[in-house]
Amino acid sequence: LARNILQSVEHRAQAVKHLREVLLRHQRQARERYAAPFAQQLGQLAGRVFNGQVQFHLNDDLVVEKRTLDGVTVGLQELSGGAKEQMAILTRFAIAQLLSKGGEQGVPVVVDDALGSTDAHRIQLMATLFAEVAKQSQVIVFTCEPSRYDRVPNSTLLDIDQLKASTPIG
């Protein structure tokens, strides 16, 4: 009886081990399919803002850990506050662009009160990207400083009173 129980437990343990190996292999393959296009898209966008050849190093969760700009690699935590907030927006833009490949209407991108630590030159570069991404995806910005986004062409500005007065959807 004990031998039968032991064999049963060993068989289940082998099945669990095999299942784990299969799941990890598929997870690794899925990550590889998503990581390269995401890092490439992010690099293309970032190159326009950081003025150079940009590459990103992603962790297993596809989170940016390091940025390499013209051969110099730094950890994301070492970037300035402005560069970090630009990276957060660029990440959203890269994902939106990847999801809208094929000409379909992209997913909306929401930005909440960003670019407060960004210098005027980079705000201009970011404004160009906002306009470009807005061709495929709706870009919604919440801010108490709308002047940061004055350079975004074809933008529509609504203040909080206009939003409160509008008819609810649904």
N, C-alpha and C. Protein backbone atom coordinates (compact mmCIF):
# COMPACT_ATOMS: atom_id res chain seq x y z
N LEU A 1 0.83 -1.20 0.00
CA LEU A 1 0.00 0.00 0.00
C LEU A 1 0.87 1.26 0.00
N ALA A 2 1.87 1.29 0.86
CA ALA A 2 2.75 2.45 0.94
C ALA A 2 3.51 2.63 -0.37
N ARG A 3 3.89 1.50 -0.99
CA ARG A 3 4.62 1.56 -2.26
C ARG A 3 3.72 2.16 -3.35
N ASN A 4 2.46 1.80 -3.38
CA ASN A 4 1.52 2.34 -4.36
C ASN A 4 1.31 3.84 -4.16
N ILE A 5 1.21 4.25 -2.92
CA ILE A 5 1.05 5.68 -2.62
C ILE A 5 2.29 6.44 -3.06
N LEU A 6 3.47 5.87 -2.77
CA LEU A 6 4.73 6.50 -3.16
C LEU A 6 4.81 6.64 -4.67
N GLN A 7 4.47 5.60 -5.42
CA GLN A 7 4.49 5.65 -6.87
C GLN A 7 3.52 6.71 -7.40
N SER A 8 2.36 6.78 -6.82
CA SER A 8 1.37 7.76 -7.23
C SER A 8 1.87 9.18 -7.01
N VAL A 9 2.48 9.42 -5.85
CA VAL A 9 3.02 10.75 -5.54
C VAL A 9 4.17 11.08 -6.49
N GLU A 10 5.04 10.09 -6.78
CA GLU A 10 6.16 10.33 -7.69
C GLU A 10 5.66 10.65 -9.10
N HIS A 11 4.62 9.95 -9.56
CA HIS A 11 4.05 10.21 -10.89
C HIS A 11 3.46 11.62 -10.95
N ARG A 12 2.75 12.02 -9.93
CA ARG A 12 2.19 13.37 -9.90
C ARG A 12 3.30 14.42 -9.85
N ALA A 13 4.34 14.14 -9.08
CA ALA A 13 5.46 15.08 -9.00
C ALA A 13 6.13 15.23 -10.36
N GLN A 14 6.30 14.12 -11.08
CA GLN A 14 6.89 14.17 -12.43
C GLN A 14 5.97 14.97 -13.37
N ALA A 15 4.68 14.76 -13.27
CA ALA A 15 3.73 15.49 -14.11
C ALA A 15 3.79 16.99 -13.82
N VAL A 16 3.87 17.34 -12.55
CA VAL A 16 3.97 18.76 -12.18
C VAL A 16 5.28 19.35 -12.68
N LYS A 17 6.37 18.60 -12.56
CA LYS A 17 7.67 19.07 -13.04
C LYS A 17 7.62 19.30 -14.55
N HIS A 18 7.04 18.37 -15.28
CA HIS A 18 6.93 18.50 -16.73
C HIS A 18 6.05 19.70 -17.10
N LEU A 19 4.94 19.85 -16.42
CA LEU A 19 4.05 20.97 -16.67
C LEU A 19 4.76 22.30 -16.43
N ARG A 20 5.51 22.38 -15.36
CA ARG A 20 6.27 23.60 -15.04
C ARG A 20 7.28 23.91 -16.15
N GLU A 21 7.99 22.90 -16.62
CA GLU A 21 8.97 23.09 -17.69
C GLU A 21 8.30 23.59 -18.97
N VAL A 22 7.16 23.02 -19.31
CA VAL A 22 6.43 23.43 -20.51
C VAL A 22 5.94 24.87 -20.36
N LEU A 23 5.39 25.21 -19.22
CA LEU A 23 4.90 26.58 -18.99
C LEU A 23 6.04 27.60 -19.05
N LEU A 24 7.17 27.28 -18.43
CA LEU A 24 8.32 28.19 -18.45
C LEU A 24 8.85 28.37 -19.87
N ARG A 25 8.89 27.29 -20.65
CA ARG A 25 9.36 27.38 -22.02
C ARG A 25 8.43 28.28 -22.84
N HIS A 26 7.13 28.09 -22.71
CA HIS A 26 6.18 28.93 -23.45
C HIS A 26 6.21 30.39 -22.98
N GLN A 27 6.40 30.58 -21.70
CA GLN A 27 6.52 31.94 -21.17
C GLN A 27 7.75 32.63 -21.76
N ARG A 28 8.87 31.92 -21.82
CA ARG A 28 10.11 32.47 -22.37
C ARG A 28 9.92 32.79 -23.86
N GLN A 29 9.27 31.90 -24.60
CA GLN A 29 9.04 32.13 -26.02
C GLN A 29 8.12 33.34 -26.25
N ALA A 30 7.08 33.46 -25.43
CA ALA A 30 6.17 34.61 -25.55
C ALA A 30 6.90 35.90 -25.24
N ARG A 31 7.71 35.88 -24.20
CA ARG A 31 8.48 37.07 -23.83
C ARG A 31 9.40 37.48 -24.97
N GLU A 32 10.06 36.52 -25.59
CA GLU A 32 10.96 36.82 -26.70
C GLU A 32 10.21 37.42 -27.88
N ARG A 33 8.99 36.96 -28.13
CA ARG A 33 8.19 37.51 -29.23
C ARG A 33 7.79 38.96 -28.97
N TYR A 34 7.56 39.32 -27.71
CA TYR A 34 7.12 40.67 -27.37
C TYR A 34 8.28 41.61 -27.06
N ALA A 35 9.33 41.11 -26.48
CA ALA A 35 10.42 41.97 -26.00
C ALA A 35 11.11 42.71 -27.14
N ALA A 36 11.49 42.00 -28.18
CA ALA A 36 12.24 42.63 -29.27
C ALA A 36 11.45 43.74 -29.96
N PRO A 37 10.21 43.50 -30.39
CA PRO A 37 9.47 44.60 -31.03
C PRO A 37 9.22 45.78 -30.09
N PHE A 38 8.96 45.49 -28.82
CA PHE A 38 8.73 46.57 -27.85
C PHE A 38 9.99 47.40 -27.67
N ALA A 39 11.12 46.74 -27.44
CA ALA A 39 12.38 47.46 -27.24
C ALA A 39 12.76 48.25 -28.50
N GLN A 40 12.51 47.67 -29.67
CA GLN A 40 12.81 48.36 -30.92
C GLN A 40 11.94 49.61 -31.09
N GLN A 41 10.64 49.48 -30.87
CA GLN A 41 9.73 50.61 -31.00
C GLN A 41 10.08 51.70 -29.99
N LEU A 42 10.35 51.30 -28.77
CA LEU A 42 10.74 52.25 -27.73
C LEU A 42 12.03 52.96 -28.11
N GLY A 43 12.98 52.21 -28.65
CA GLY A 43 14.25 52.79 -29.07
C GLY A 43 14.08 53.82 -30.18
N GLN A 44 13.19 53.52 -31.13
CA GLN A 44 12.95 54.47 -32.22
C GLN A 44 12.37 55.78 -31.69
N LEU A 45 11.39 55.67 -30.82
CA LEU A 45 10.79 56.88 -30.24
C LEU A 45 11.80 57.64 -29.39
N ALA A 46 12.51 56.92 -28.55
CA ALA A 46 13.46 57.56 -27.62
C ALA A 46 14.62 58.21 -28.37
N GLY A 47 15.01 57.65 -29.48
CA GLY A 47 16.10 58.24 -30.26
C GLY A 47 15.78 59.65 -30.71
N ARG A 48 14.51 59.91 -30.95
CA ARG A 48 14.09 61.24 -31.37
C ARG A 48 14.07 62.23 -30.22
N VAL A 49 13.88 61.74 -29.01
CA VAL A 49 13.84 62.62 -27.84
C VAL A 49 15.23 62.80 -27.22
N PHE A 50 15.99 61.72 -27.18
CA PHE A 50 17.31 61.76 -26.54
C PHE A 50 18.44 62.02 -27.54
N ASN A 51 18.08 62.25 -28.81
CA ASN A 51 19.04 62.63 -29.85
C ASN A 51 20.22 61.68 -29.96
N GLY A 52 19.94 60.44 -30.26
CA GLY A 52 21.03 59.49 -30.44
C GLY A 52 20.50 58.09 -30.68
N GLN A 53 21.43 57.16 -30.72
CA GLN A 53 21.10 55.74 -30.86
C GLN A 53 20.75 55.21 -29.49
N VAL A 54 19.50 54.76 -29.31
CA VAL A 54 19.03 54.33 -28.00
C VAL A 54 18.60 52.87 -28.05
N GLN A 55 19.04 52.12 -27.05
CA GLN A 55 18.61 50.74 -26.88
C GLN A 55 18.17 50.57 -25.44
N PHE A 56 17.28 49.59 -25.23
CA PHE A 56 16.77 49.34 -23.89
C PHE A 56 16.99 47.89 -23.50
N HIS A 57 17.26 47.70 -22.24
CA HIS A 57 17.43 46.37 -21.66
C HIS A 57 16.22 46.12 -20.79
N LEU A 58 15.48 45.06 -21.10
CA LEU A 58 14.25 44.75 -20.39
C LEU A 58 14.47 43.58 -19.46
N ASN A 59 13.74 43.58 -18.34
CA ASN A 59 13.80 42.42 -17.45
C ASN A 59 12.78 41.39 -17.91
N ASP A 60 12.63 40.31 -17.17
CA ASP A 60 11.73 39.23 -17.56
C ASP A 60 10.26 39.66 -17.61
N ASP A 61 9.92 40.75 -16.93
CA ASP A 61 8.55 41.27 -16.94
C ASP A 61 8.36 42.35 -18.00
N LEU A 62 9.34 42.50 -18.90
CA LEU A 62 9.33 43.50 -19.97
C LEU A 62 9.35 44.93 -19.44
N VAL A 63 9.95 45.11 -18.28
CA VAL A 63 10.11 46.43 -17.69
C VAL A 63 11.52 46.93 -18.04
N VAL A 64 11.62 48.18 -18.45
CA VAL A 64 12.91 48.74 -18.80
C VAL A 64 13.76 48.84 -17.54
N GLU A 65 14.94 48.25 -17.59
CA GLU A 65 15.88 48.34 -16.47
C GLU A 65 17.03 49.28 -16.78
N LYS A 66 17.48 49.29 -18.05
CA LYS A 66 18.63 50.11 -18.43
C LYS A 66 18.40 50.72 -19.80
N ARG A 67 19.02 51.88 -19.98
CA ARG A 67 18.99 52.56 -21.27
C ARG A 67 20.42 52.75 -21.73
N THR A 68 20.66 52.42 -23.00
CA THR A 68 21.97 52.67 -23.60
C THR A 68 21.79 53.76 -24.65
N LEU A 69 22.48 54.88 -24.45
CA LEU A 69 22.43 56.01 -25.36
C LEU A 69 23.82 56.24 -25.91
N ASP A 70 23.97 56.04 -27.22
CA ASP A 70 25.26 56.21 -27.89
C ASP A 70 26.37 55.45 -27.17
N GLY A 71 26.08 54.22 -26.76
CA GLY A 71 27.08 53.34 -26.17
C GLY A 71 27.25 53.45 -24.67
N VAL A 72 26.58 54.39 -24.03
CA VAL A 72 26.69 54.56 -22.58
C VAL A 72 25.43 54.01 -21.93
N THR A 73 25.59 53.01 -21.06
CA THR A 73 24.46 52.36 -20.41
C THR A 73 24.30 52.87 -18.99
N VAL A 74 23.07 53.21 -18.64
CA VAL A 74 22.74 53.62 -17.26
C VAL A 74 21.46 52.92 -16.84
N GLY A 75 21.35 52.68 -15.55
CA GLY A 75 20.13 52.11 -15.01
C GLY A 75 19.02 53.14 -15.06
N LEU A 76 17.80 52.69 -15.21
CA LEU A 76 16.67 53.61 -15.29
C LEU A 76 16.60 54.50 -14.05
N GLN A 77 16.93 53.96 -12.88
CA GLN A 77 16.88 54.74 -11.65
C GLN A 77 17.91 55.87 -11.64
N GLU A 78 18.92 55.79 -12.50
CA GLU A 78 19.96 56.83 -12.55
C GLU A 78 19.59 58.01 -13.45
N LEU A 79 18.51 57.89 -14.20
CA LEU A 79 18.10 58.97 -15.10
C LEU A 79 17.53 60.14 -14.31
N SER A 80 17.56 61.30 -14.91
CA SER A 80 16.99 62.49 -14.26
C SER A 80 15.48 62.34 -14.17
N GLY A 81 14.86 63.17 -13.36
CA GLY A 81 13.40 63.14 -13.22
C GLY A 81 12.71 63.39 -14.55
N GLY A 82 13.24 64.33 -15.33
CA GLY A 82 12.65 64.62 -16.63
C GLY A 82 12.76 63.43 -17.57
N ALA A 83 13.93 62.79 -17.60
CA ALA A 83 14.13 61.63 -18.48
C ALA A 83 13.21 60.48 -18.06
N LYS A 84 13.01 60.31 -16.77
CA LYS A 84 12.12 59.24 -16.29
C LYS A 84 10.68 59.50 -16.73
N GLU A 85 10.21 60.75 -16.62
CA GLU A 85 8.83 61.01 -17.03
C GLU A 85 8.69 60.91 -18.54
N GLN A 86 9.72 61.27 -19.29
CA GLN A 86 9.69 61.09 -20.74
C GLN A 86 9.64 59.60 -21.08
N MET A 87 10.42 58.80 -20.35
CA MET A 87 10.42 57.35 -20.57
C MET A 87 9.04 56.75 -20.31
N ALA A 88 8.36 57.23 -19.28
CA ALA A 88 7.03 56.71 -18.97
C ALA A 88 6.07 56.99 -20.12
N ILE A 89 6.15 58.16 -20.70
CA ILE A 89 5.29 58.50 -21.84
C ILE A 89 5.71 57.71 -23.08
N LEU A 90 7.00 57.63 -23.33
CA LEU A 90 7.49 56.89 -24.49
C LEU A 90 7.08 55.42 -24.42
N THR A 91 7.08 54.86 -23.23
CA THR A 91 6.66 53.47 -23.05
C THR A 91 5.20 53.31 -23.47
N ARG A 92 4.35 54.22 -23.03
CA ARG A 92 2.93 54.17 -23.42
C ARG A 92 2.77 54.32 -24.93
N PHE A 93 3.53 55.26 -25.50
CA PHE A 93 3.45 55.49 -26.94
C PHE A 93 3.91 54.25 -27.72
N ALA A 94 4.98 53.62 -27.27
CA ALA A 94 5.49 52.43 -27.96
C ALA A 94 4.46 51.31 -27.94
N ILE A 95 3.84 51.11 -26.80
CA ILE A 95 2.82 50.06 -26.68
C ILE A 95 1.63 50.39 -27.58
N ALA A 96 1.20 51.64 -27.57
CA ALA A 96 0.06 52.04 -28.42
C ALA A 96 0.39 51.83 -29.89
N GLN A 97 1.60 52.17 -30.30
CA GLN A 97 1.97 51.99 -31.70
C GLN A 97 2.05 50.52 -32.07
N LEU A 98 2.56 49.70 -31.19
CA LEU A 98 2.62 48.26 -31.47
C LEU A 98 1.21 47.67 -31.60
N LEU A 99 0.30 48.14 -30.77
CA LEU A 99 -1.07 47.62 -30.82
C LEU A 99 -1.85 48.13 -32.03
N SER A 100 -1.41 49.24 -32.62
CA SER A 100 -2.15 49.80 -33.75
C SER A 100 -1.51 49.45 -35.09
N LYS A 101 -0.54 48.56 -35.10
CA LYS A 101 0.07 48.13 -36.37
C LYS A 101 -1.02 47.51 -37.23
N GLY A 102 -0.91 47.72 -38.52
CA GLY A 102 -1.91 47.17 -39.42
C GLY A 102 -2.98 48.18 -39.78
N GLY A 103 -2.81 49.44 -39.39
CA GLY A 103 -3.73 50.48 -39.79
C GLY A 103 -4.98 50.63 -38.96
N GLU A 104 -5.15 49.78 -37.97
CA GLU A 104 -6.35 49.90 -37.14
C GLU A 104 -6.22 51.09 -36.20
N GLN A 105 -7.38 51.59 -35.74
CA GLN A 105 -7.38 52.66 -34.74
C GLN A 105 -6.69 52.14 -33.48
N GLY A 106 -5.76 52.90 -32.99
CA GLY A 106 -5.00 52.48 -31.83
C GLY A 106 -5.75 52.62 -30.52
N VAL A 107 -5.13 52.12 -29.50
CA VAL A 107 -5.69 52.22 -28.16
C VAL A 107 -5.44 53.63 -27.62
N PRO A 108 -6.32 54.13 -26.78
CA PRO A 108 -6.07 55.46 -26.20
C PRO A 108 -4.86 55.45 -25.27
N VAL A 109 -4.18 56.57 -25.22
CA VAL A 109 -3.04 56.75 -24.33
C VAL A 109 -3.41 57.85 -23.34
N VAL A 110 -3.30 57.56 -22.06
CA VAL A 110 -3.64 58.54 -21.03
C VAL A 110 -2.37 58.98 -20.33
N VAL A 111 -2.19 60.29 -20.24
CA VAL A 111 -1.03 60.89 -19.58
C VAL A 111 -1.55 61.80 -18.49
N ASP A 112 -1.08 61.61 -17.28
CA ASP A 112 -1.57 62.40 -16.15
C ASP A 112 -0.47 63.32 -15.62
N ASP A 113 -0.61 64.60 -15.92
CA ASP A 113 0.23 65.66 -15.39
C ASP A 113 1.72 65.34 -15.45
N ALA A 114 2.20 65.11 -16.66
CA ALA A 114 3.60 64.77 -16.86
C ALA A 114 4.36 65.95 -17.46
N LEU A 115 5.63 65.77 -17.61
CA LEU A 115 6.58 66.70 -18.22
C LEU A 115 6.87 67.92 -17.35
N GLY A 116 6.55 67.85 -16.08
CA GLY A 116 6.86 68.95 -15.17
C GLY A 116 8.35 69.14 -14.93
N SER A 117 9.13 68.09 -15.12
CA SER A 117 10.59 68.16 -14.93
C SER A 117 11.34 68.16 -16.25
N THR A 118 10.62 68.39 -17.34
CA THR A 118 11.22 68.33 -18.67
C THR A 118 11.56 69.72 -19.16
N ASP A 119 12.76 69.86 -19.74
CA ASP A 119 13.19 71.17 -20.24
C ASP A 119 12.45 71.52 -21.53
N ALA A 120 12.50 72.80 -21.91
CA ALA A 120 11.73 73.32 -23.05
C ALA A 120 12.08 72.61 -24.36
N HIS A 121 13.35 72.32 -24.58
CA HIS A 121 13.76 71.66 -25.82
C HIS A 121 13.14 70.27 -25.92
N ARG A 122 13.18 69.51 -24.84
CA ARG A 122 12.61 68.16 -24.87
C ARG A 122 11.07 68.21 -24.91
N ILE A 123 10.47 69.24 -24.33
CA ILE A 123 9.02 69.39 -24.44
C ILE A 123 8.64 69.54 -25.91
N GLN A 124 9.43 70.30 -26.67
CA GLN A 124 9.17 70.45 -28.11
C GLN A 124 9.28 69.11 -28.81
N LEU A 125 10.31 68.33 -28.49
CA LEU A 125 10.47 67.01 -29.11
C LEU A 125 9.32 66.08 -28.73
N MET A 126 8.91 66.14 -27.47
CA MET A 126 7.79 65.31 -27.02
C MET A 126 6.49 65.74 -27.70
N ALA A 127 6.31 67.06 -27.91
CA ALA A 127 5.10 67.56 -28.57
C ALA A 127 4.98 66.96 -29.97
N THR A 128 6.09 66.84 -30.66
CA THR A 128 6.09 66.22 -31.99
C THR A 128 5.62 64.78 -31.89
N LEU A 129 6.10 64.05 -30.88
CA LEU A 129 5.69 62.66 -30.71
C LEU A 129 4.21 62.55 -30.31
N PHE A 130 3.75 63.46 -29.47
CA PHE A 130 2.32 63.47 -29.11
C PHE A 130 1.48 63.57 -30.38
N ALA A 131 1.85 64.49 -31.27
CA ALA A 131 1.09 64.69 -32.51
C ALA A 131 1.17 63.46 -33.41
N GLU A 132 2.34 62.84 -33.48
CA GLU A 132 2.51 61.66 -34.32
C GLU A 132 1.67 60.49 -33.81
N VAL A 133 1.73 60.23 -32.51
CA VAL A 133 0.97 59.13 -31.92
C VAL A 133 -0.52 59.39 -32.05
N ALA A 134 -0.91 60.66 -31.95
CA ALA A 134 -2.33 61.02 -32.03
C ALA A 134 -2.94 60.75 -33.40
N LYS A 135 -2.11 60.50 -34.40
CA LYS A 135 -2.64 60.15 -35.72
C LYS A 135 -3.28 58.77 -35.70
N GLN A 136 -2.83 57.90 -34.81
CA GLN A 136 -3.35 56.54 -34.72
C GLN A 136 -4.15 56.30 -33.44
N SER A 137 -3.77 56.96 -32.37
CA SER A 137 -4.39 56.72 -31.06
C SER A 137 -4.85 58.04 -30.46
N GLN A 138 -5.94 57.98 -29.73
CA GLN A 138 -6.36 59.17 -29.01
C GLN A 138 -5.42 59.34 -27.82
N VAL A 139 -4.87 60.55 -27.66
CA VAL A 139 -3.98 60.85 -26.55
C VAL A 139 -4.71 61.82 -25.65
N ILE A 140 -4.94 61.40 -24.42
CA ILE A 140 -5.67 62.20 -23.44
C ILE A 140 -4.68 62.64 -22.37
N VAL A 141 -4.60 63.94 -22.15
CA VAL A 141 -3.66 64.48 -21.16
C VAL A 141 -4.45 65.22 -20.09
N PHE A 142 -4.23 64.85 -18.86
CA PHE A 142 -4.78 65.59 -17.72
C PHE A 142 -3.64 66.41 -17.14
N THR A 143 -3.86 67.71 -16.99
CA THR A 143 -2.79 68.54 -16.47
C THR A 143 -3.33 69.81 -15.84
N CYS A 144 -2.60 70.31 -14.87
CA CYS A 144 -2.92 71.62 -14.30
C CYS A 144 -2.05 72.70 -14.98
N GLU A 145 -1.19 72.28 -15.90
CA GLU A 145 -0.32 73.19 -16.64
C GLU A 145 -0.48 72.96 -18.14
N PRO A 146 -1.60 73.37 -18.73
CA PRO A 146 -1.81 73.11 -20.16
C PRO A 146 -0.76 73.75 -21.07
N SER A 147 -0.07 74.77 -20.59
CA SER A 147 0.95 75.43 -21.42
C SER A 147 2.09 74.48 -21.79
N ARG A 148 2.29 73.41 -21.01
CA ARG A 148 3.33 72.43 -21.35
C ARG A 148 3.03 71.76 -22.69
N TYR A 149 1.77 71.78 -23.08
CA TYR A 149 1.35 71.06 -24.28
C TYR A 149 0.93 72.02 -25.40
N ASP A 150 1.25 73.32 -25.26
CA ASP A 150 0.89 74.31 -26.28
C ASP A 150 1.49 73.99 -27.64
N ARG A 151 2.63 73.32 -27.65
CA ARG A 151 3.33 73.04 -28.91
C ARG A 151 2.82 71.79 -29.63
N VAL A 152 1.83 71.13 -29.06
CA VAL A 152 1.26 69.94 -29.71
C VAL A 152 0.26 70.44 -30.76
N PRO A 153 0.58 70.22 -32.05
CA PRO A 153 -0.34 70.71 -33.09
C PRO A 153 -1.66 69.95 -33.09
N ASN A 154 -2.71 70.65 -33.49
CA ASN A 154 -4.05 70.07 -33.65
C ASN A 154 -4.62 69.48 -32.36
N SER A 155 -4.20 70.01 -31.23
CA SER A 155 -4.75 69.50 -29.97
C SER A 155 -6.03 70.25 -29.61
N THR A 156 -6.86 69.60 -28.82
CA THR A 156 -8.10 70.20 -28.34
C THR A 156 -7.97 70.36 -26.84
N LEU A 157 -8.18 71.55 -26.36
CA LEU A 157 -8.06 71.84 -24.93
C LEU A 157 -9.44 71.99 -24.32
N LEU A 158 -9.72 71.22 -23.29
CA LEU A 158 -10.96 71.33 -22.53
C LEU A 158 -10.60 71.56 -21.08
N ASP A 159 -11.17 72.58 -20.48
CA ASP A 159 -10.89 72.77 -19.06
C ASP A 159 -11.89 71.97 -18.23
N ILE A 160 -11.64 71.88 -16.96
CA ILE A 160 -12.43 71.02 -16.08
C ILE A 160 -13.90 71.44 -16.05
N ASP A 161 -14.18 72.73 -16.14
CA ASP A 161 -15.57 73.18 -16.15
C ASP A 161 -16.31 72.71 -17.40
N GLN A 162 -15.62 72.70 -18.55
CA GLN A 162 -16.24 72.19 -19.76
C GLN A 162 -16.52 70.69 -19.63
N LEU A 163 -15.61 69.97 -19.05
CA LEU A 163 -15.81 68.53 -18.87
C LEU A 163 -16.95 68.23 -17.90
N LYS A 164 -17.05 69.03 -16.85
CA LYS A 164 -18.13 68.83 -15.89
C LYS A 164 -19.48 69.11 -16.51
N ALA A 165 -19.54 70.08 -17.43
CA ALA A 165 -20.81 70.49 -18.04
C ALA A 165 -21.24 69.58 -19.19
N SER A 166 -20.35 68.74 -19.66
CA SER A 166 -20.69 67.90 -20.81
C SER A 166 -21.65 66.78 -20.41
N THR A 167 -22.36 66.28 -21.40
CA THR A 167 -23.33 65.21 -21.17
C THR A 167 -22.59 63.91 -20.90
N PRO A 168 -22.99 63.19 -19.86
CA PRO A 168 -22.32 61.92 -19.55
C PRO A 168 -22.52 60.91 -20.68
N ILE A 169 -21.52 60.09 -20.88
CA ILE A 169 -21.59 59.05 -21.90
C ILE A 169 -22.28 57.83 -21.30
N GLY A 170 -23.13 57.21 -22.12
CA GLY A 170 -23.74 55.95 -21.71
C GLY A 170 -25.02 56.15 -21.05
